[in-house]
Amino acid sequence: MSFCEHCEGQRFDRARILRVLRESRKRLQRSDTICSADQALASVIDAVRTLDIPHLDRVDDVVDGEVVH
């Protein structure tokens, strides 16, 4: 199965984010410091923010009034 460029980019970005989330979870589990849920989420949000995820404008191909995506 193949994906359009937009969907392929989303799949790649999703994989990168999931990887960062897993790494953050492992780091928090190994940490000797006890933190609140708010601190843990803030840490993870900061980790995701460091990713360079481009914004892709979706360009749909229209064929006979139907959107091909």
Protein backbone atom coordinates (compact mmCIF):
# COMPACT_ATOMS: atom_id res chain seq x y z
CA MET A 1 0.00 0.00 0.00
CA SER A 2 1.30 3.43 -0.82
CA PHE A 3 0.44 6.76 0.74
CA CYS A 4 0.26 10.25 -0.70
CA GLU A 5 3.05 12.62 0.30
CA HIS A 6 0.88 14.30 2.93
CA CYS A 7 -0.13 11.03 4.62
CA GLU A 8 3.40 9.62 4.40
CA GLY A 9 4.67 12.76 6.13
CA GLN A 10 2.07 12.40 8.86
CA ARG A 11 3.02 8.76 9.42
CA PHE A 12 6.70 9.72 9.67
CA ASP A 13 5.95 12.58 12.10
CA ARG A 14 3.73 10.32 14.22
CA ALA A 15 6.52 7.74 14.44
CA ARG A 16 8.99 10.40 15.54
CA ILE A 17 6.64 11.71 18.22
CA LEU A 18 5.91 8.22 19.53
CA ARG A 19 9.64 7.56 19.72
CA VAL A 20 10.17 10.74 21.77
CA LEU A 21 7.26 9.84 24.06
CA ARG A 22 8.70 6.37 24.71
CA GLU A 23 12.16 7.79 25.38
CA SER A 24 10.67 10.34 27.77
CA ARG A 25 8.75 7.65 29.62
CA LYS A 26 11.89 5.56 30.05
CA ARG A 27 13.84 8.61 31.22
CA LEU A 28 11.15 9.47 33.78
CA GLN A 29 11.02 5.87 35.01
CA ARG A 30 14.80 5.78 35.49
CA SER A 31 14.86 9.12 37.24
CA ASP A 32 15.43 9.16 40.98
CA THR A 33 13.52 12.42 41.19
CA ILE A 34 9.83 12.16 41.95
CA CYS A 35 7.77 14.57 39.91
CA SER A 36 4.10 15.41 39.68
CA ALA A 37 1.97 14.47 36.69
CA ASP A 38 2.06 18.12 35.64
CA GLN A 39 5.86 18.18 35.72
CA ALA A 40 6.05 14.89 33.80
CA LEU A 41 3.69 16.15 31.10
CA ALA A 42 5.55 19.45 30.86
CA SER A 43 8.78 17.53 30.35
CA VAL A 44 7.27 15.42 27.60
CA ILE A 45 5.68 18.43 25.89
CA ASP A 46 9.07 20.16 25.88
CA ALA A 47 10.63 17.06 24.34
CA VAL A 48 8.06 17.01 21.53
CA ARG A 49 8.48 20.75 20.97
CA THR A 50 12.17 20.22 20.22
CA LEU A 51 11.24 18.18 17.15
CA ASP A 52 11.37 20.01 13.85
CA ILE A 53 8.00 19.05 12.41
CA PRO A 54 7.20 21.03 9.27
CA HIS A 55 3.71 22.20 8.51
CA LEU A 56 2.53 20.72 5.23
CA ASP A 57 -0.26 22.41 3.35
CA ARG A 58 -2.44 19.74 1.88
CA VAL A 59 -2.96 19.93 -1.87
CA ASP A 60 -5.74 17.63 -2.96
CA ASP A 61 -5.99 16.32 -6.49
CA VAL A 62 -9.53 16.60 -7.76
CA VAL A 63 -10.69 14.05 -10.33
CA ASP A 64 -14.26 14.27 -11.60
CA GLY A 65 -15.35 16.14 -8.48
CA GLU A 66 -13.80 13.54 -6.13
CA VAL A 67 -10.86 14.20 -3.90
CA VAL A 68 -8.04 11.70 -4.34
CA HIS A 69 -6.09 11.42 -1.13
